[in-house]
């Protein structure tokens, strides 16, 4: 019994064509780009060091596909998580 590569076969076990693989890759890059846009939005990337690293990681990943030098986000002087909010209610705290 041979293992099937789920990346290159469909549900029937048929080998995907080069065109089909290209479309899958293009869709994945588009999805990664959309996710990067969300991750790099204000209030997200600058919330804490983890989210900052996640944004820069996505920037790096996309740079591998477009063959451009990545333009990383610099860390802010103060993370949003460290700014007092004067105990104002938030949507999350109301749940």
PDB file of N, CA and C in Angstrom:
ATOM      1  N   UNK A   1       0.847  -1.177   0.000  1.00  0.00           N
ATOM      2  CA  UNK A   1       0.000   0.000   0.000  1.00  0.00           C
ATOM      3  C   UNK A   1       0.890   1.237   0.000  1.00  0.00           C
ATOM      4  N   UNK A   2       0.622   2.180  -0.889  1.00  0.00           N
ATOM      5  CA  UNK A   2       1.432   3.392  -0.977  1.00  0.00           C
ATOM      6  C   UNK A   2       0.696   4.551  -0.329  1.00  0.00           C
ATOM      7  N   UNK A   3       1.483   5.477   0.216  1.00  0.00           N
ATOM      8  CA  UNK A   3       0.893   6.668   0.811  1.00  0.00           C
ATOM      9  C   UNK A   3       0.606   7.674  -0.288  1.00  0.00           C
ATOM     10  N   UNK A   4      -0.520   8.360  -0.186  1.00  0.00           N
ATOM     11  CA  UNK A   4      -0.851   9.393  -1.150  1.00  0.00           C
ATOM     12  C   UNK A   4      -0.495  10.743  -0.572  1.00  0.00           C
ATOM     13  N   UNK A   5       0.065  11.595  -1.383  1.00  0.00           N
ATOM     14  CA  UNK A   5       0.355  12.954  -0.984  1.00  0.00           C
ATOM     15  C   UNK A   5      -0.930  13.761  -1.126  1.00  0.00           C
ATOM     16  N   UNK A   6      -1.535  14.158  -0.028  1.00  0.00           N
ATOM     17  CA  UNK A   6      -2.807  14.862  -0.081  1.00  0.00           C
ATOM     18  C   UNK A   6      -2.667  16.242  -0.702  1.00  0.00           C
ATOM     19  N   UNK A   7      -1.439  16.743  -0.821  1.00  0.00           N
ATOM     20  CA  UNK A   7      -1.228  18.040  -1.438  1.00  0.00           C
ATOM     21  C   UNK A   7      -1.362  17.960  -2.958  1.00  0.00           C
ATOM     22  N   UNK A   8      -1.123  16.790  -3.543  1.00  0.00           N
ATOM     23  CA  UNK A   8      -1.110  16.688  -5.005  1.00  0.00           C
ATOM     24  C   UNK A   8      -2.159  15.743  -5.558  1.00  0.00           C
ATOM     25  N   UNK A   9      -3.023  15.219  -4.719  1.00  0.00           N
ATOM     26  CA  UNK A   9      -4.095  14.352  -5.205  1.00  0.00           C
ATOM     27  C   UNK A   9      -5.436  14.880  -4.719  1.00  0.00           C
ATOM     28  N   UNK A  10      -6.479  14.570  -5.476  1.00  0.00           N
ATOM     29  CA  UNK A  10      -7.809  14.963  -5.034  1.00  0.00           C
ATOM     30  C   UNK A  10      -8.442  13.822  -4.239  1.00  0.00           C
ATOM     31  N   UNK A  11      -9.708  13.953  -3.918  1.00  0.00           N
ATOM     32  CA  UNK A  11     -10.363  12.955  -3.067  1.00  0.00           C
ATOM     33  C   UNK A  11     -10.461  11.576  -3.728  1.00  0.00           C
ATOM     34  N   UNK A  12     -10.340  11.514  -5.041  1.00  0.00           N
ATOM     35  CA  UNK A  12     -10.395  10.233  -5.739  1.00  0.00           C
ATOM     36  C   UNK A  12      -9.009   9.623  -5.919  1.00  0.00           C
ATOM     37  N   UNK A  13      -7.974  10.337  -5.487  1.00  0.00           N
ATOM     38  CA  UNK A  13      -6.610   9.856  -5.654  1.00  0.00           C
ATOM     39  C   UNK A  13      -5.975  10.284  -6.960  1.00  0.00           C
ATOM     40  N   UNK A  14      -6.715  11.067  -7.755  1.00  0.00           N
ATOM     41  CA  UNK A  14      -6.191  11.559  -9.031  1.00  0.00           C
ATOM     42  C   UNK A  14      -5.104  12.595  -8.781  1.00  0.00           C
ATOM     43  N   UNK A  15      -4.033  12.486  -9.512  1.00  0.00           N
ATOM     44  CA  UNK A  15      -2.915  13.430  -9.397  1.00  0.00           C
ATOM     45  C   UNK A  15      -3.358  14.804  -9.896  1.00  0.00           C
ATOM     46  N   UNK A  16      -3.073  15.836  -9.095  1.00  0.00           N
ATOM     47  CA  UNK A  16      -3.428  17.193  -9.493  1.00  0.00           C
ATOM     48  C   UNK A  16      -2.494  17.663 -10.609  1.00  0.00           C
ATOM     49  N   UNK A  17      -3.054  18.436 -11.532  1.00  0.00           N
ATOM     50  CA  UNK A  17      -2.243  18.969 -12.625  1.00  0.00           C
ATOM     51  C   UNK A  17      -1.390  20.131 -12.105  1.00  0.00           C
ATOM     52  N   UNK A  18      -0.394  20.519 -12.883  1.00  0.00           N
ATOM     53  CA  UNK A  18       0.436  21.665 -12.505  1.00  0.00           C
ATOM     54  C   UNK A  18      -0.422  22.908 -12.337  1.00  0.00           C
ATOM     55  N   UNK A  19      -1.397  23.072 -13.219  1.00  0.00           N
ATOM     56  CA  UNK A  19      -2.283  24.233 -13.123  1.00  0.00           C
ATOM     57  C   UNK A  19      -3.082  24.203 -11.811  1.00  0.00           C
ATOM     58  N   UNK A  20      -3.608  23.047 -11.467  1.00  0.00           N
ATOM     59  CA  UNK A  20      -4.382  22.924 -10.222  1.00  0.00           C
ATOM     60  C   UNK A  20      -3.503  23.228  -9.014  1.00  0.00           C
ATOM     61  N   UNK A  21      -2.269  22.731  -9.029  1.00  0.00           N
ATOM     62  CA  UNK A  21      -1.347  23.014  -7.919  1.00  0.00           C
ATOM     63  C   UNK A  21      -1.035  24.503  -7.844  1.00  0.00           C
ATOM     64  N   UNK A  22      -0.885  25.148  -8.994  1.00  0.00           N
ATOM     65  CA  UNK A  22      -0.625  26.585  -9.026  1.00  0.00           C
ATOM     66  C   UNK A  22      -1.793  27.361  -8.440  1.00  0.00           C
ATOM     67  N   UNK A  23      -3.015  26.966  -8.795  1.00  0.00           N
ATOM     68  CA  UNK A  23      -4.209  27.632  -8.257  1.00  0.00           C
ATOM     69  C   UNK A  23      -4.276  27.461  -6.746  1.00  0.00           C
ATOM     70  N   UNK A  24      -3.979  26.258  -6.253  1.00  0.00           N
ATOM     71  CA  UNK A  24      -3.980  26.005  -4.805  1.00  0.00           C
ATOM     72  C   UNK A  24      -2.945  26.891  -4.119  1.00  0.00           C
ATOM     73  N   UNK A  25      -1.753  26.976  -4.702  1.00  0.00           N
ATOM     74  CA  UNK A  25      -0.698  27.812  -4.130  1.00  0.00           C
ATOM     75  C   UNK A  25      -1.091  29.283  -4.156  1.00  0.00           C
ATOM     76  N   UNK A  26      -1.668  29.749  -5.250  1.00  0.00           N
ATOM     77  CA  UNK A  26      -2.104  31.143  -5.334  1.00  0.00           C
ATOM     78  C   UNK A  26      -3.167  31.455  -4.288  1.00  0.00           C
ATOM     79  N   UNK A  27      -4.091  30.531  -4.088  1.00  0.00           N
ATOM     80  CA  UNK A  27      -5.124  30.717  -3.062  1.00  0.00           C
ATOM     81  C   UNK A  27      -4.509  30.783  -1.667  1.00  0.00           C
ATOM     82  N   UNK A  28      -3.526  29.927  -1.422  1.00  0.00           N
ATOM     83  CA  UNK A  28      -2.877  29.915  -0.110  1.00  0.00           C
ATOM     84  C   UNK A  28      -2.127  31.214   0.134  1.00  0.00           C
ATOM     85  N   UNK A  29      -1.439  31.720  -0.870  1.00  0.00           N
ATOM     86  CA  UNK A  29      -0.702  32.992  -0.728  1.00  0.00           C
ATOM     87  C   UNK A  29      -1.684  34.138  -0.510  1.00  0.00           C
ATOM     88  N   UNK A  30      -2.810  34.114  -1.228  1.00  0.00           N
ATOM     89  CA  UNK A  30      -3.828  35.156  -1.041  1.00  0.00           C
ATOM     90  C   UNK A  30      -4.371  35.118   0.385  1.00  0.00           C
ATOM     91  N   UNK A  31      -4.652  33.927   0.881  1.00  0.00           N
ATOM     92  CA  UNK A  31      -5.155  33.783   2.250  1.00  0.00           C
ATOM     93  C   UNK A  31      -4.117  34.265   3.259  1.00  0.00           C
ATOM     94  N   UNK A  32      -2.856  33.895   3.062  1.00  0.00           N
ATOM     95  CA  UNK A  32      -1.787  34.353   3.956  1.00  0.00           C
ATOM     96  C   UNK A  32      -1.676  35.869   3.921  1.00  0.00           C
ATOM     97  N   UNK A  33      -1.812  36.466   2.751  1.00  0.00           N
ATOM     98  CA  UNK A  33      -1.750  37.917   2.625  1.00  0.00           C
ATOM     99  C   UNK A  33      -2.890  38.584   3.393  1.00  0.00           C
ATOM    100  N   UNK A  34      -4.089  38.023   3.291  1.00  0.00           N
ATOM    101  CA  UNK A  34      -5.235  38.567   4.026  1.00  0.00           C
ATOM    102  C   UNK A  34      -5.029  38.424   5.534  1.00  0.00           C
ATOM    103  N   UNK A  35      -4.490  37.282   5.950  1.00  0.00           N
ATOM    104  CA  UNK A  35      -4.226  37.069   7.375  1.00  0.00           C
ATOM    105  C   UNK A  35      -3.152  38.041   7.867  1.00  0.00           C
ATOM    106  N   UNK A  36      -2.151  38.287   7.036  1.00  0.00           N
ATOM    107  CA  UNK A  36      -1.091  39.237   7.391  1.00  0.00           C
ATOM    108  C   UNK A  36      -1.664  40.635   7.552  1.00  0.00           C
ATOM    109  N   UNK A  37      -2.602  41.018   6.677  1.00  0.00           N
ATOM    110  CA  UNK A  37      -3.224  42.342   6.782  1.00  0.00           C
ATOM    111  C   UNK A  37      -3.944  42.504   8.121  1.00  0.00           C
ATOM    112  N   UNK A  38      -4.639  41.466   8.549  1.00  0.00           N
ATOM    113  CA  UNK A  38      -5.322  41.509   9.845  1.00  0.00           C
ATOM    114  C   UNK A  38      -4.296  41.572  10.974  1.00  0.00           C
ATOM    115  N   UNK A  39      -3.286  40.720  10.898  1.00  0.00           N
ATOM    116  CA  UNK A  39      -2.277  40.660  11.957  1.00  0.00           C
ATOM    117  C   UNK A  39      -1.512  41.972  12.069  1.00  0.00           C
ATOM    118  N   UNK A  40      -1.322  42.666  10.953  1.00  0.00           N
ATOM    119  CA  UNK A  40      -0.549  43.913  10.946  1.00  0.00           C
ATOM    120  C   UNK A  40      -1.405  45.139  11.217  1.00  0.00           C
ATOM    121  N   UNK A  41      -2.680  44.951  11.522  1.00  0.00           N
ATOM    122  CA  UNK A  41      -3.541  46.094  11.807  1.00  0.00           C
ATOM    123  C   UNK A  41      -3.224  46.657  13.190  1.00  0.00           C
ATOM    124  N   UNK A  42      -3.421  47.982  13.309  1.00  0.00           N
ATOM    125  CA  UNK A  42      -3.166  48.654  14.577  1.00  0.00           C
ATOM    126  C   UNK A  42      -4.052  48.063  15.659  1.00  0.00           C
ATOM    127  N   UNK A  43      -3.475  47.827  16.819  1.00  0.00           N
ATOM    128  CA  UNK A  43      -4.202  47.206  17.905  1.00  0.00           C
ATOM    129  C   UNK A  43      -3.994  45.712  17.958  1.00  0.00           C
ATOM    130  N   UNK A  44      -3.408  45.169  16.922  1.00  0.00           N
ATOM    131  CA  UNK A  44      -3.142  43.745  16.875  1.00  0.00           C
ATOM    132  C   UNK A  44      -1.636  43.495  16.968  1.00  0.00           C
ATOM    133  N   UNK A  45      -0.877  43.957  15.964  1.00  0.00           N
ATOM    134  CA  UNK A  45       0.566  43.705  15.950  1.00  0.00           C
ATOM    135  C   UNK A  45       1.275  44.380  17.112  1.00  0.00           C
ATOM    136  N   UNK A  46       0.740  45.496  17.577  1.00  0.00           N
ATOM    137  CA  UNK A  46       1.418  46.266  18.630  1.00  0.00           C
ATOM    138  C   UNK A  46       0.817  46.031  20.015  1.00  0.00           C
ATOM    139  N   UNK A  47       0.057  44.942  20.161  1.00  0.00           N
ATOM    140  CA  UNK A  47      -0.526  44.626  21.466  1.00  0.00           C
ATOM    141  C   UNK A  47       0.521  44.092  22.439  1.00  0.00           C
ATOM    142  N   UNK A  48       1.343  43.151  21.988  1.00  0.00           N
ATOM    143  CA  UNK A  48       2.391  42.583  22.842  1.00  0.00           C
ATOM    144  C   UNK A  48       3.480  41.975  21.957  1.00  0.00           C
ATOM    145  N   UNK A  49       4.608  41.569  22.549  1.00  0.00           N
ATOM    146  CA  UNK A  49       5.703  41.026  21.740  1.00  0.00           C
ATOM    147  C   UNK A  49       5.322  39.796  20.917  1.00  0.00           C
ATOM    148  N   UNK A  50       4.449  38.953  21.445  1.00  0.00           N
ATOM    149  CA  UNK A  50       4.036  37.766  20.691  1.00  0.00           C
ATOM    150  C   UNK A  50       3.347  38.161  19.392  1.00  0.00           C
ATOM    151  N   UNK A  51       2.385  39.070  19.487  1.00  0.00           N
ATOM    152  CA  UNK A  51       1.634  39.489  18.302  1.00  0.00           C
ATOM    153  C   UNK A  51       2.543  40.234  17.325  1.00  0.00           C
ATOM    154  N   UNK A  52       3.511  40.961  17.836  1.00  0.00           N
ATOM    155  CA  UNK A  52       4.490  41.642  16.995  1.00  0.00           C
ATOM    156  C   UNK A  52       5.305  40.613  16.208  1.00  0.00           C
ATOM    157  N   UNK A  53       5.758  39.572  16.888  1.00  0.00           N
ATOM    158  CA  UNK A  53       6.513  38.517  16.225  1.00  0.00           C
ATOM    159  C   UNK A  53       5.683  37.768  15.206  1.00  0.00           C
ATOM    160  N   UNK A  54       4.418  37.552  15.512  1.00  0.00           N
ATOM    161  CA  UNK A  54       3.518  36.880  14.573  1.00  0.00           C
ATOM    162  C   UNK A  54       3.379  37.714  13.298  1.00  0.00           C
ATOM    163  N   UNK A  55       3.208  39.021  13.446  1.00  0.00           N
ATOM    164  CA  UNK A  55       3.086  39.896  12.275  1.00  0.00           C
ATOM    165  C   UNK A  55       4.362  39.847  11.434  1.00  0.00           C
ATOM    166  N   UNK A  56       5.508  39.965  12.082  1.00  0.00           N
ATOM    167  CA  UNK A  56       6.765  39.930  11.340  1.00  0.00           C
ATOM    168  C   UNK A  56       7.009  38.565  10.701  1.00  0.00           C
ATOM    169  N   UNK A  57       6.562  37.508  11.331  1.00  0.00           N
ATOM    170  CA  UNK A  57       6.678  36.181  10.736  1.00  0.00           C
ATOM    171  C   UNK A  57       5.850  36.053   9.472  1.00  0.00           C
ATOM    172  N   UNK A  58       4.656  36.628   9.485  1.00  0.00           N
ATOM    173  CA  UNK A  58       3.811  36.589   8.289  1.00  0.00           C
ATOM    174  C   UNK A  58       4.406  37.454   7.180  1.00  0.00           C
ATOM    175  N   UNK A  59       4.965  38.591   7.556  1.00  0.00           N
ATOM    176  CA  UNK A  59       5.644  39.445   6.579  1.00  0.00           C
ATOM    177  C   UNK A  59       6.792  38.669   5.937  1.00  0.00           C
ATOM    178  N   UNK A  60       7.555  37.962   6.747  1.00  0.00           N
ATOM    179  CA  UNK A  60       8.656  37.156   6.226  1.00  0.00           C
ATOM    180  C   UNK A  60       8.147  36.063   5.290  1.00  0.00           C
ATOM    181  N   UNK A  61       7.108  35.340   5.709  1.00  0.00           N
ATOM    182  CA  UNK A  61       6.578  34.245   4.898  1.00  0.00           C
ATOM    183  C   UNK A  61       6.142  34.745   3.524  1.00  0.00           C
ATOM    184  N   UNK A  62       5.450  35.879   3.483  1.00  0.00           N
ATOM    185  CA  UNK A  62       5.011  36.410   2.192  1.00  0.00           C
ATOM    186  C   UNK A  62       6.185  36.853   1.335  1.00  0.00           C
ATOM    187  N   UNK A  63       7.257  37.324   1.967  1.00  0.00           N
ATOM    188  CA  UNK A  63       8.423  37.768   1.197  1.00  0.00           C
ATOM    189  C   UNK A  63       9.056  36.608   0.435  1.00  0.00           C
ATOM    190  N   UNK A  64       8.871  35.400   0.915  1.00  0.00           N
ATOM    191  CA  UNK A  64       9.415  34.232   0.219  1.00  0.00           C
ATOM    192  C   UNK A  64       8.710  33.989  -1.112  1.00  0.00           C
ATOM    193  N   UNK A  65       7.452  34.401  -1.200  1.00  0.00           N
ATOM    194  CA  UNK A  65       6.681  34.183  -2.413  1.00  0.00           C
ATOM    195  C   UNK A  65       6.806  35.326  -3.411  1.00  0.00           C
ATOM    196  N   UNK A  66       6.965  36.554  -2.929  1.00  0.00           N
ATOM    197  CA  UNK A  66       7.039  37.672  -3.878  1.00  0.00           C
ATOM    198  C   UNK A  66       8.475  38.112  -4.157  1.00  0.00           C
ATOM    199  N   UNK A  67       9.439  37.428  -3.555  1.00  0.00           N
ATOM    200  CA  UNK A  67      10.863  37.670  -3.801  1.00  0.00           C
ATOM    201  C   UNK A  67      11.256  39.122  -3.531  1.00  0.00           C
ATOM    202  N   UNK A  68      10.636  39.716  -2.510  1.00  0.00           N
ATOM    203  CA  UNK A  68      10.974  41.077  -2.094  1.00  0.00           C
ATOM    204  C   UNK A  68      11.576  41.018  -0.697  1.00  0.00           C
ATOM    205  N   UNK A  69      12.393  41.986  -0.395  1.00  0.00           N
ATOM    206  CA  UNK A  69      12.970  42.073   0.942  1.00  0.00           C
ATOM    207  C   UNK A  69      11.846  42.442   1.922  1.00  0.00           C
ATOM    208  N   UNK A  70      11.706  41.694   3.011  1.00  0.00           N
ATOM    209  CA  UNK A  70      10.615  41.996   3.962  1.00  0.00           C
ATOM    210  C   UNK A  70      10.834  43.327   4.668  1.00  0.00           C
ATOM    211  N   UNK A  71       9.755  44.054   4.878  1.00  0.00           N
ATOM    212  CA  UNK A  71       9.799  45.307   5.631  1.00  0.00           C
ATOM    213  C   UNK A  71       9.111  45.049   6.968  1.00  0.00           C
ATOM    214  N   UNK A  72       9.923  44.737   7.972  1.00  0.00           N
ATOM    215  CA  UNK A  72       9.411  44.359   9.277  1.00  0.00           C
ATOM    216  C   UNK A  72       8.876  45.556  10.042  1.00  0.00           C
ATOM    217  N   UNK A  73       7.947  45.269  10.951  1.00  0.00           N
ATOM    218  CA  UNK A  73       7.403  46.287  11.853  1.00  0.00           C
ATOM    219  C   UNK A  73       8.351  46.440  13.040  1.00  0.00           C
ATOM    220  N   UNK A  74       8.688  47.660  13.366  1.00  0.00           N
ATOM    221  CA  UNK A  74       9.523  47.915  14.544  1.00  0.00           C
ATOM    222  C   UNK A  74       8.649  47.836  15.789  1.00  0.00           C
ATOM    223  N   UNK A  75       9.229  47.386  16.863  1.00  0.00           N
ATOM    224  CA  UNK A  75       8.483  47.304  18.121  1.00  0.00           C
ATOM    225  C   UNK A  75       8.128  48.713  18.601  1.00  0.00           C
ATOM    226  N   UNK A  76       6.928  48.881  19.146  1.00  0.00           N
ATOM    227  CA  UNK A  76       6.559  50.198  19.683  1.00  0.00           C
ATOM    228  C   UNK A  76       7.306  50.460  20.994  1.00  0.00           C
ATOM    229  N   UNK A  77       7.347  51.701  21.388  1.00  0.00           N
ATOM    230  CA  UNK A  77       7.996  52.039  22.662  1.00  0.00           C
ATOM    231  C   UNK A  77       7.219  51.448  23.835  1.00  0.00           C
ATOM    232  N   UNK A  78       5.892  51.396  23.695  1.00  0.00           N
ATOM    233  CA  UNK A  78       5.030  50.840  24.740  1.00  0.00           C
ATOM    234  C   UNK A  78       4.030  49.897  24.072  1.00  0.00           C
ATOM    235  N   UNK A  79       3.900  48.690  24.610  1.00  0.00           N
ATOM    236  CA  UNK A  79       2.913  47.740  24.096  1.00  0.00           C
ATOM    237  C   UNK A  79       1.528  48.172  24.556  1.00  0.00           C
ATOM    238  N   UNK A  80       0.535  47.962  23.724  1.00  0.00           N
ATOM    239  CA  UNK A  80      -0.833  48.336  24.087  1.00  0.00           C
ATOM    240  C   UNK A  80      -1.301  47.644  25.357  1.00  0.00           C
ATOM    241  N   UNK A  81      -0.864  46.411  25.565  1.00  0.00           N
ATOM    242  CA  UNK A  81      -1.291  45.678  26.763  1.00  0.00           C
ATOM    243  C   UNK A  81      -0.808  46.346  28.047  1.00  0.00           C
ATOM    244  N   UNK A  82       0.214  47.176  27.944  1.00  0.00           N
ATOM    245  CA  UNK A  82       0.777  47.832  29.118  1.00  0.00           C
ATOM    246  C   UNK A  82       0.205  49.224  29.371  1.00  0.00           C
ATOM    247  N   UNK A  83      -0.707  49.672  28.523  1.00  0.00           N
ATOM    248  CA  UNK A  83      -1.325  50.984  28.698  1.00  0.00           C
ATOM    249  C   UNK A  83      -2.576  50.818  29.561  1.00  0.00           C
ATOM    250  N   UNK A  84      -2.647  51.552  30.672  1.00  0.00           N
ATOM    251  CA  UNK A  84      -3.841  51.441  31.531  1.00  0.00           C
ATOM    252  C   UNK A  84      -5.094  51.882  30.772  1.00  0.00           C
ATOM    253  N   UNK A  85      -6.190  51.197  31.034  1.00  0.00           N
ATOM    254  CA  UNK A  85      -7.437  51.552  30.355  1.00  0.00           C
ATOM    255  C   UNK A  85      -8.461  52.174  31.295  1.00  0.00           C
ATOM    256  N   UNK A  86      -8.022  52.573  32.486  1.00  0.00           N
ATOM    257  CA  UNK A  86      -8.893  53.231  33.465  1.00  0.00           C
ATOM    258  C   UNK A  86     -10.125  52.402  33.809  1.00  0.00           C
ATOM    259  N   UNK A  87      -9.978  51.070  33.727  1.00  0.00           N
ATOM    260  CA  UNK A  87     -11.066  50.143  34.043  1.00  0.00           C
ATOM    261  C   UNK A  87     -12.340  50.393  33.265  1.00  0.00           C
ATOM    262  N   UNK A  88     -12.200  50.957  32.058  1.00  0.00           N
ATOM    263  CA  UNK A  88     -13.374  51.162  31.211  1.00  0.00           C
ATOM    264  C   UNK A  88     -13.842  49.789  30.733  1.00  0.00           C
ATOM    265  N   UNK A  89     -15.148  49.572  30.685  1.00  0.00           N
ATOM    266  CA  UNK A  89     -15.643  48.270  30.213  1.00  0.00           C
ATOM    267  C   UNK A  89     -15.295  48.072  28.740  1.00  0.00           C
ATOM    268  N   UNK A  90     -15.001  46.856  28.400  1.00  0.00           N
ATOM    269  CA  UNK A  90     -14.733  46.504  27.001  1.00  0.00           C
ATOM    270  C   UNK A  90     -15.761  45.495  26.558  1.00  0.00           C
ATOM    271  N   UNK A  91     -15.808  45.226  25.285  1.00  0.00           N
ATOM    272  CA  UNK A  91     -16.747  44.239  24.764  1.00  0.00           C
ATOM    273  C   UNK A  91     -16.474  42.886  25.409  1.00  0.00           C
ATOM    274  N   UNK A  92     -15.197  42.531  25.511  1.00  0.00           N
ATOM    275  CA  UNK A  92     -14.836  41.213  26.076  1.00  0.00           C
ATOM    276  C   UNK A  92     -15.238  41.116  27.558  1.00  0.00           C
ATOM    277  N   UNK A  93     -15.101  42.223  28.287  1.00  0.00           N
ATOM    278  CA  UNK A  93     -15.432  42.145  29.709  1.00  0.00           C
ATOM    279  C   UNK A  93     -16.936  42.108  29.947  1.00  0.00           C
ATOM    280  N   UNK A  94     -17.717  42.499  28.965  1.00  0.00           N
ATOM    281  CA  UNK A  94     -19.172  42.485  29.098  1.00  0.00           C
ATOM    282  C   UNK A  94     -19.755  41.093  28.852  1.00  0.00           C
ATOM    283  N   UNK A  95     -18.933  40.212  28.316  1.00  0.00           N
ATOM    284  CA  UNK A  95     -19.431  38.861  27.995  1.00  0.00           C
ATOM    285  C   UNK A  95     -19.447  37.999  29.223  1.00  0.00           C
TER     286      UNK A  95
END
